[in-house]
Amino acid sequence: MKSSKAKKKSSSSLERRLSELEEEAASKGIRVRYDRLEAAGLKLKGGVCKANGEYHLFIDKRRSTAEKIDTIQDCLNQPLPKDVA
């Protein structure tokens, strides 16, 4: 019984961390988007792009909370891509 309580607690702490990272990304002008990244049988990796002057970070919504956290942290630790001239 204790293990399920511990799992719930860690799950809520992961959700809280994810929320904090989403807010940090938003403060840096990055919109985090969760979509099903699959089309015509192709699974897409996701990542950062700039469209209409806004940065978007695409993450597959089926990924675990821990994977979403890792992806956002990686994005925040890297410089944003610049426009191609």
PDB file of N, CA and C in Angstrom:
ATOM      1  N   MET A   1       0.810  -1.187   0.000  1.00  0.00           N
ATOM      2  CA  MET A   1       0.000   0.000   0.000  1.00  0.00           C
ATOM      3  C   MET A   1       0.857   1.256   0.000  1.00  0.00           C
ATOM      4  N   LYS A   2       1.971   1.222   0.690  1.00  0.00           N
ATOM      5  CA  LYS A   2       2.828   2.404   0.753  1.00  0.00           C
ATOM      6  C   LYS A   2       3.384   2.766  -0.616  1.00  0.00           C
ATOM      7  N   SER A   3       3.702   1.760  -1.426  1.00  0.00           N
ATOM      8  CA  SER A   3       4.309   2.047  -2.722  1.00  0.00           C
ATOM      9  C   SER A   3       3.364   2.830  -3.625  1.00  0.00           C
ATOM     10  N   SER A   4       2.055   2.557  -3.568  1.00  0.00           N
ATOM     11  CA  SER A   4       1.130   3.311  -4.412  1.00  0.00           C
ATOM     12  C   SER A   4       1.030   4.762  -3.960  1.00  0.00           C
ATOM     13  N   LYS A   5       1.095   4.993  -2.645  1.00  0.00           N
ATOM     14  CA  LYS A   5       1.094   6.366  -2.159  1.00  0.00           C
ATOM     15  C   LYS A   5       2.354   7.093  -2.586  1.00  0.00           C
ATOM     16  N   ALA A   6       3.490   6.412  -2.509  1.00  0.00           N
ATOM     17  CA  ALA A   6       4.748   7.020  -2.926  1.00  0.00           C
ATOM     18  C   ALA A   6       4.708   7.330  -4.416  1.00  0.00           C
ATOM     19  N   LYS A   7       4.120   6.422  -5.195  1.00  0.00           N
ATOM     20  CA  LYS A   7       4.031   6.642  -6.632  1.00  0.00           C
ATOM     21  C   LYS A   7       3.149   7.844  -6.936  1.00  0.00           C
ATOM     22  N   LYS A   8       2.023   7.977  -6.234  1.00  0.00           N
ATOM     23  CA  LYS A   8       1.150   9.125  -6.426  1.00  0.00           C
ATOM     24  C   LYS A   8       1.864  10.418  -6.091  1.00  0.00           C
ATOM     25  N   LYS A   9       2.613  10.401  -4.999  1.00  0.00           N
ATOM     26  CA  LYS A   9       3.332  11.589  -4.560  1.00  0.00           C
ATOM     27  C   LYS A   9       4.367  11.995  -5.603  1.00  0.00           C
ATOM     28  N   SER A  10       5.127  11.034  -6.106  1.00  0.00           N
ATOM     29  CA  SER A  10       6.148  11.361  -7.096  1.00  0.00           C
ATOM     30  C   SER A  10       5.498  11.809  -8.397  1.00  0.00           C
ATOM     31  N   SER A  11       4.348  11.233  -8.711  1.00  0.00           N
ATOM     32  CA  SER A  11       3.639  11.631  -9.911  1.00  0.00           C
ATOM     33  C   SER A  11       3.190  13.088  -9.821  1.00  0.00           C
ATOM     34  N   SER A  12       2.677  13.477  -8.664  1.00  0.00           N
ATOM     35  CA  SER A  12       2.245  14.866  -8.514  1.00  0.00           C
ATOM     36  C   SER A  12       3.441  15.816  -8.511  1.00  0.00           C
ATOM     37  N   SER A  13       4.575  15.368  -7.992  1.00  0.00           N
ATOM     38  CA  SER A  13       5.768  16.217  -8.017  1.00  0.00           C
ATOM     39  C   SER A  13       6.282  16.352  -9.451  1.00  0.00           C
ATOM     40  N   LEU A  14       6.153  15.288 -10.249  1.00  0.00           N
ATOM     41  CA  LEU A  14       6.542  15.375 -11.661  1.00  0.00           C
ATOM     42  C   LEU A  14       5.617  16.333 -12.403  1.00  0.00           C
ATOM     43  N   GLU A  15       4.323  16.251 -12.124  1.00  0.00           N
ATOM     44  CA  GLU A  15       3.368  17.154 -12.767  1.00  0.00           C
ATOM     45  C   GLU A  15       3.658  18.605 -12.395  1.00  0.00           C
ATOM     46  N   ARG A  16       4.012  18.828 -11.144  1.00  0.00           N
ATOM     47  CA  ARG A  16       4.343  20.181 -10.684  1.00  0.00           C
ATOM     48  C   ARG A  16       5.598  20.681 -11.399  1.00  0.00           C
ATOM     49  N   ARG A  17       6.605  19.821 -11.522  1.00  0.00           N
ATOM     50  CA  ARG A  17       7.848  20.199 -12.213  1.00  0.00           C
ATOM     51  C   ARG A  17       7.574  20.497 -13.680  1.00  0.00           C
ATOM     52  N   LEU A  18       6.733  19.684 -14.302  1.00  0.00           N
ATOM     53  CA  LEU A  18       6.374  19.909 -15.701  1.00  0.00           C
ATOM     54  C   LEU A  18       5.709  21.269 -15.854  1.00  0.00           C
ATOM     55  N   SER A  19       4.816  21.585 -14.953  1.00  0.00           N
ATOM     56  CA  SER A  19       4.120  22.867 -14.985  1.00  0.00           C
ATOM     57  C   SER A  19       5.101  24.029 -14.825  1.00  0.00           C
ATOM     58  N   GLU A  20       6.059  23.883 -13.923  1.00  0.00           N
ATOM     59  CA  GLU A  20       7.077  24.927 -13.721  1.00  0.00           C
ATOM     60  C   GLU A  20       7.889  25.146 -14.992  1.00  0.00           C
ATOM     61  N   LEU A  21       8.278  24.049 -15.644  1.00  0.00           N
ATOM     62  CA  LEU A  21       9.073  24.164 -16.869  1.00  0.00           C
ATOM     63  C   LEU A  21       8.265  24.778 -18.005  1.00  0.00           C
ATOM     64  N   GLU A  22       6.979  24.442 -18.086  1.00  0.00           N
ATOM     65  CA  GLU A  22       6.121  25.050 -19.107  1.00  0.00           C
ATOM     66  C   GLU A  22       6.031  26.553 -18.895  1.00  0.00           C
ATOM     67  N   GLU A  23       5.932  26.979 -17.646  1.00  0.00           N
ATOM     68  CA  GLU A  23       5.892  28.414 -17.336  1.00  0.00           C
ATOM     69  C   GLU A  23       7.214  29.087 -17.676  1.00  0.00           C
ATOM     70  N   GLU A  24       8.333  28.421 -17.378  1.00  0.00           N
ATOM     71  CA  GLU A  24       9.648  28.975 -17.712  1.00  0.00           C
ATOM     72  C   GLU A  24       9.798  29.120 -19.224  1.00  0.00           C
ATOM     73  N   ALA A  25       9.352  28.109 -19.962  1.00  0.00           N
ATOM     74  CA  ALA A  25       9.416  28.178 -21.424  1.00  0.00           C
ATOM     75  C   ALA A  25       8.566  29.341 -21.931  1.00  0.00           C
ATOM     76  N   ALA A  26       7.377  29.498 -21.381  1.00  0.00           N
ATOM     77  CA  ALA A  26       6.492  30.587 -21.795  1.00  0.00           C
ATOM     78  C   ALA A  26       7.131  31.939 -21.516  1.00  0.00           C
ATOM     79  N   SER A  27       7.836  32.053 -20.390  1.00  0.00           N
ATOM     80  CA  SER A  27       8.486  33.323 -20.062  1.00  0.00           C
ATOM     81  C   SER A  27       9.622  33.649 -21.030  1.00  0.00           C
ATOM     82  N   LYS A  28      10.151  32.617 -21.691  1.00  0.00           N
ATOM     83  CA  LYS A  28      11.210  32.820 -22.688  1.00  0.00           C
ATOM     84  C   LYS A  28      10.643  32.901 -24.104  1.00  0.00           C
ATOM     85  N   GLY A  29       9.315  32.939 -24.215  1.00  0.00           N
ATOM     86  CA  GLY A  29       8.682  33.082 -25.522  1.00  0.00           C
ATOM     87  C   GLY A  29       8.537  31.784 -26.289  1.00  0.00           C
ATOM     88  N   ILE A  30       8.549  30.650 -25.597  1.00  0.00           N
ATOM     89  CA  ILE A  30       8.418  29.346 -26.250  1.00  0.00           C
ATOM     90  C   ILE A  30       7.059  28.765 -25.883  1.00  0.00           C
ATOM     91  N   ARG A  31       6.264  28.459 -26.878  1.00  0.00           N
ATOM     92  CA  ARG A  31       4.953  27.830 -26.654  1.00  0.00           C
ATOM     93  C   ARG A  31       5.127  26.326 -26.700  1.00  0.00           C
ATOM     94  N   VAL A  32       4.807  25.647 -25.617  1.00  0.00           N
ATOM     95  CA  VAL A  32       4.910  24.189 -25.565  1.00  0.00           C
ATOM     96  C   VAL A  32       3.597  23.620 -26.065  1.00  0.00           C
ATOM     97  N   ARG A  33       3.701  22.727 -27.068  1.00  0.00           N
ATOM     98  CA  ARG A  33       2.508  22.135 -27.674  1.00  0.00           C
ATOM     99  C   ARG A  33       2.598  20.625 -27.598  1.00  0.00           C
ATOM    100  N   TYR A  34       1.521  20.019 -27.142  1.00  0.00           N
ATOM    101  CA  TYR A  34       1.445  18.572 -27.055  1.00  0.00           C
ATOM    102  C   TYR A  34       0.478  18.075 -28.124  1.00  0.00           C
ATOM    103  N   ASP A  35       1.001  17.323 -29.061  1.00  0.00           N
ATOM    104  CA  ASP A  35       0.199  16.780 -30.153  1.00  0.00           C
ATOM    105  C   ASP A  35       0.602  15.328 -30.386  1.00  0.00           C
ATOM    106  N   ARG A  36      -0.231  14.628 -31.099  1.00  0.00           N
ATOM    107  CA  ARG A  36       0.133  13.278 -31.514  1.00  0.00           C
ATOM    108  C   ARG A  36       1.012  13.446 -32.755  1.00  0.00           C
ATOM    109  N   LEU A  37       2.288  13.186 -32.596  1.00  0.00           N
ATOM    110  CA  LEU A  37       3.251  13.434 -33.678  1.00  0.00           C
ATOM    111  C   LEU A  37       3.411  12.187 -34.540  1.00  0.00           C
ATOM    112  N   GLU A  38       2.361  11.924 -35.284  1.00  0.00           N
ATOM    113  CA  GLU A  38       2.365  10.778 -36.180  1.00  0.00           C
ATOM    114  C   GLU A  38       1.466  11.124 -37.356  1.00  0.00           C
ATOM    115  N   ALA A  39       1.955  10.880 -38.550  1.00  0.00           N
ATOM    116  CA  ALA A  39       1.162  11.148 -39.750  1.00  0.00           C
ATOM    117  C   ALA A  39       1.528  10.133 -40.821  1.00  0.00           C
ATOM    118  N   ALA A  40       0.535   9.571 -41.444  1.00  0.00           N
ATOM    119  CA  ALA A  40       0.731   8.603 -42.531  1.00  0.00           C
ATOM    120  C   ALA A  40       1.688   7.486 -42.126  1.00  0.00           C
ATOM    121  N   GLY A  41       1.600   7.064 -40.874  1.00  0.00           N
ATOM    122  CA  GLY A  41       2.447   5.966 -40.411  1.00  0.00           C
ATOM    123  C   GLY A  41       3.852   6.376 -40.000  1.00  0.00           C
ATOM    124  N   LEU A  42       4.167   7.652 -40.114  1.00  0.00           N
ATOM    125  CA  LEU A  42       5.488   8.143 -39.730  1.00  0.00           C
ATOM    126  C   LEU A  42       5.425   8.752 -38.339  1.00  0.00           C
ATOM    127  N   LYS A  43       6.337   8.344 -37.476  1.00  0.00           N
ATOM    128  CA  LYS A  43       6.412   8.937 -36.142  1.00  0.00           C
ATOM    129  C   LYS A  43       7.437  10.059 -36.180  1.00  0.00           C
ATOM    130  N   LEU A  44       6.997  11.245 -35.817  1.00  0.00           N
ATOM    131  CA  LEU A  44       7.872  12.410 -35.849  1.00  0.00           C
ATOM    132  C   LEU A  44       8.525  12.597 -34.488  1.00  0.00           C
ATOM    133  N   LYS A  45       9.722  13.150 -34.492  1.00  0.00           N
ATOM    134  CA  LYS A  45      10.488  13.315 -33.261  1.00  0.00           C
ATOM    135  C   LYS A  45      10.014  14.505 -32.436  1.00  0.00           C
ATOM    136  N   GLY A  46       9.610  15.554 -33.075  1.00  0.00           N
ATOM    137  CA  GLY A  46       9.259  16.779 -32.362  1.00  0.00           C
ATOM    138  C   GLY A  46      10.462  17.689 -32.269  1.00  0.00           C
ATOM    139  N   GLY A  47      10.301  18.810 -31.579  1.00  0.00           N
ATOM    140  CA  GLY A  47      11.394  19.752 -31.418  1.00  0.00           C
ATOM    141  C   GLY A  47      10.904  21.180 -31.516  1.00  0.00           C
ATOM    142  N   VAL A  48      11.854  22.094 -31.644  1.00  0.00           N
ATOM    143  CA  VAL A  48      11.559  23.527 -31.662  1.00  0.00           C
ATOM    144  C   VAL A  48      11.531  24.032 -33.098  1.00  0.00           C
ATOM    145  N   CYS A  49      10.562  24.894 -33.373  1.00  0.00           N
ATOM    146  CA  CYS A  49      10.554  25.595 -34.655  1.00  0.00           C
ATOM    147  C   CYS A  49      10.036  27.003 -34.421  1.00  0.00           C
ATOM    148  N   LYS A  50      10.283  27.854 -35.388  1.00  0.00           N
ATOM    149  CA  LYS A  50       9.798  29.228 -35.310  1.00  0.00           C
ATOM    150  C   LYS A  50       8.819  29.434 -36.457  1.00  0.00           C
ATOM    151  N   ALA A  51       7.601  29.823 -36.119  1.00  0.00           N
ATOM    152  CA  ALA A  51       6.581  30.070 -37.124  1.00  0.00           C
ATOM    153  C   ALA A  51       5.885  31.385 -36.794  1.00  0.00           C
ATOM    154  N   ASN A  52       5.767  32.225 -37.792  1.00  0.00           N
ATOM    155  CA  ASN A  52       5.110  33.535 -37.621  1.00  0.00           C
ATOM    156  C   ASN A  52       5.691  34.319 -36.449  1.00  0.00           C
ATOM    157  N   GLY A  53       7.008  34.238 -36.273  1.00  0.00           N
ATOM    158  CA  GLY A  53       7.683  35.005 -35.238  1.00  0.00           C
ATOM    159  C   GLY A  53       7.591  34.420 -33.842  1.00  0.00           C
ATOM    160  N   GLU A  54       6.968  33.246 -33.693  1.00  0.00           N
ATOM    161  CA  GLU A  54       6.846  32.609 -32.383  1.00  0.00           C
ATOM    162  C   GLU A  54       7.578  31.278 -32.377  1.00  0.00           C
ATOM    163  N   TYR A  55       8.186  30.972 -31.241  1.00  0.00           N
ATOM    164  CA  TYR A  55       8.829  29.672 -31.077  1.00  0.00           C
ATOM    165  C   TYR A  55       7.818  28.676 -30.528  1.00  0.00           C
ATOM    166  N   HIS A  56       7.853  27.472 -31.074  1.00  0.00           N
ATOM    167  CA  HIS A  56       6.975  26.390 -30.648  1.00  0.00           C
ATOM    168  C   HIS A  56       7.826  25.161 -30.368  1.00  0.00           C
ATOM    169  N   LEU A  57       7.562  24.519 -29.246  1.00  0.00           N
ATOM    170  CA  LEU A  57       8.209  23.254 -28.905  1.00  0.00           C
ATOM    171  C   LEU A  57       7.141  22.178 -29.004  1.00  0.00           C
ATOM    172  N   PHE A  58       7.297  21.283 -29.975  1.00  0.00           N
ATOM    173  CA  PHE A  58       6.343  20.206 -30.183  1.00  0.00           C
ATOM    174  C   PHE A  58       6.815  18.953 -29.473  1.00  0.00           C
ATOM    175  N   ILE A  59       5.915  18.373 -28.654  1.00  0.00           N
ATOM    176  CA  ILE A  59       6.200  17.160 -27.902  1.00  0.00           C
ATOM    177  C   ILE A  59       5.037  16.208 -28.126  1.00  0.00           C
ATOM    178  N   ASP A  60       5.347  14.935 -28.361  1.00  0.00           N
ATOM    179  CA  ASP A  60       4.297  13.937 -28.525  1.00  0.00           C
ATOM    180  C   ASP A  60       3.545  13.788 -27.211  1.00  0.00           C
ATOM    181  N   LYS A  61       2.241  13.948 -27.255  1.00  0.00           N
ATOM    182  CA  LYS A  61       1.429  13.915 -26.034  1.00  0.00           C
ATOM    183  C   LYS A  61       1.398  12.538 -25.385  1.00  0.00           C
ATOM    184  N   ARG A  62       1.839  11.503 -26.094  1.00  0.00           N
ATOM    185  CA  ARG A  62       1.836  10.152 -25.538  1.00  0.00           C
ATOM    186  C   ARG A  62       3.087   9.844 -24.724  1.00  0.00           C
ATOM    187  N   ARG A  63       4.044  10.764 -24.686  1.00  0.00           N
ATOM    188  CA  ARG A  63       5.263  10.550 -23.905  1.00  0.00           C
ATOM    189  C   ARG A  63       4.960  10.655 -22.414  1.00  0.00           C
ATOM    190  N   SER A  64       5.782  10.022 -21.614  1.00  0.00           N
ATOM    191  CA  SER A  64       5.584  10.074 -20.160  1.00  0.00           C
ATOM    192  C   SER A  64       5.905  11.480 -19.647  1.00  0.00           C
ATOM    193  N   THR A  65       5.451  11.758 -18.450  1.00  0.00           N
ATOM    194  CA  THR A  65       5.709  13.063 -17.842  1.00  0.00           C
ATOM    195  C   THR A  65       7.212  13.297 -17.705  1.00  0.00           C
ATOM    196  N   ALA A  66       7.947  12.273 -17.305  1.00  0.00           N
ATOM    197  CA  ALA A  66       9.399  12.402 -17.157  1.00  0.00           C
ATOM    198  C   ALA A  66      10.058  12.728 -18.497  1.00  0.00           C
ATOM    199  N   GLU A  67       9.592  12.108 -19.583  1.00  0.00           N
ATOM    200  CA  GLU A  67      10.155  12.389 -20.907  1.00  0.00           C
ATOM    201  C   GLU A  67       9.819  13.808 -21.353  1.00  0.00           C
ATOM    202  N   LYS A  68       8.618  14.268 -21.034  1.00  0.00           N
ATOM    203  CA  LYS A  68       8.231  15.644 -21.375  1.00  0.00           C
ATOM    204  C   LYS A  68       9.118  16.637 -20.632  1.00  0.00           C
ATOM    205  N   ILE A  69       9.385  16.347 -19.354  1.00  0.00           N
ATOM    206  CA  ILE A  69      10.256  17.201 -18.550  1.00  0.00           C
ATOM    207  C   ILE A  69      11.644  17.264 -19.170  1.00  0.00           C
ATOM    208  N   ASP A  70      12.189  16.113 -19.529  1.00  0.00           N
ATOM    209  CA  ASP A  70      13.525  16.062 -20.148  1.00  0.00           C
ATOM    210  C   ASP A  70      13.569  16.867 -21.439  1.00  0.00           C
ATOM    211  N   THR A  71      12.528  16.740 -22.246  1.00  0.00           N
ATOM    212  CA  THR A  71      12.490  17.451 -23.531  1.00  0.00           C
ATOM    213  C   THR A  71      12.466  18.961 -23.325  1.00  0.00           C
ATOM    214  N   ILE A  72      11.650  19.431 -22.399  1.00  0.00           N
ATOM    215  CA  ILE A  72      11.571  20.878 -22.150  1.00  0.00           C
ATOM    216  C   ILE A  72      12.882  21.379 -21.560  1.00  0.00           C
ATOM    217  N   GLN A  73      13.470  20.627 -20.628  1.00  0.00           N
ATOM    218  CA  GLN A  73      14.754  21.039 -20.046  1.00  0.00           C
ATOM    219  C   GLN A  73      15.828  21.122 -21.123  1.00  0.00           C
ATOM    220  N   ASP A  74      15.870  20.145 -22.018  1.00  0.00           N
ATOM    221  CA  ASP A  74      16.850  20.178 -23.112  1.00  0.00           C
ATOM    222  C   ASP A  74      16.660  21.419 -23.969  1.00  0.00           C
ATOM    223  N   CYS A  75      15.409  21.747 -24.260  1.00  0.00           N
ATOM    224  CA  CYS A  75      15.114  22.924 -25.077  1.00  0.00           C
ATOM    225  C   CYS A  75      15.576  24.198 -24.377  1.00  0.00           C
ATOM    226  N   LEU A  76      15.308  24.295 -23.084  1.00  0.00           N
ATOM    227  CA  LEU A  76      15.671  25.496 -22.331  1.00  0.00           C
ATOM    228  C   LEU A  76      17.180  25.640 -22.162  1.00  0.00           C
ATOM    229  N   ASN A  77      17.910  24.534 -22.238  1.00  0.00           N
ATOM    230  CA  ASN A  77      19.362  24.573 -22.083  1.00  0.00           C
ATOM    231  C   ASN A  77      20.100  24.873 -23.391  1.00  0.00           C
ATOM    232  N   GLN A  78      19.383  24.866 -24.509  1.00  0.00           N
ATOM    233  CA  GLN A  78      19.989  25.114 -25.812  1.00  0.00           C
ATOM    234  C   GLN A  78      19.605  26.503 -26.312  1.00  0.00           C
ATOM    235  N   PRO A  79      20.461  27.117 -27.127  1.00  0.00           N
ATOM    236  CA  PRO A  79      20.059  28.393 -27.721  1.00  0.00           C
ATOM    237  C   PRO A  79      18.942  28.159 -28.725  1.00  0.00           C
ATOM    238  N   LEU A  80      18.035  29.121 -28.833  1.00  0.00           N
ATOM    239  CA  LEU A  80      16.936  28.995 -29.778  1.00  0.00           C
ATOM    240  C   LEU A  80      17.442  29.127 -31.207  1.00  0.00           C
ATOM    241  N   PRO A  81      16.836  28.416 -32.160  1.00  0.00           N
ATOM    242  CA  PRO A  81      17.292  28.527 -33.553  1.00  0.00           C
ATOM    243  C   PRO A  81      17.024  29.928 -34.097  1.00  0.00           C
ATOM    244  N   LYS A  82      17.887  30.382 -34.954  1.00  0.00           N
ATOM    245  CA  LYS A  82      17.738  31.704 -35.597  1.00  0.00           C
ATOM    246  C   LYS A  82      17.097  31.537 -36.953  1.00  0.00           C
ATOM    247  N   ASP A  83      16.601  32.641 -37.495  1.00  0.00           N
ATOM    248  CA  ASP A  83      16.030  32.606 -38.846  1.00  0.00           C
ATOM    249  C   ASP A  83      17.087  32.228 -39.862  1.00  0.00           C
ATOM    250  N   VAL A  84      16.682  31.490 -40.865  1.00  0.00           N
ATOM    251  CA  VAL A  84      17.581  31.127 -41.958  1.00  0.00           C
ATOM    252  C   VAL A  84      17.591  32.268 -42.948  1.00  0.00           C
ATOM    253  N   ALA A  85      18.755  32.715 -43.314  1.00  0.00           N
ATOM    254  CA  ALA A  85      18.858  33.850 -44.242  1.00  0.00           C
ATOM    255  C   ALA A  85      18.869  33.399 -45.668  1.00  0.00           C
TER     256      ALA A  85
END
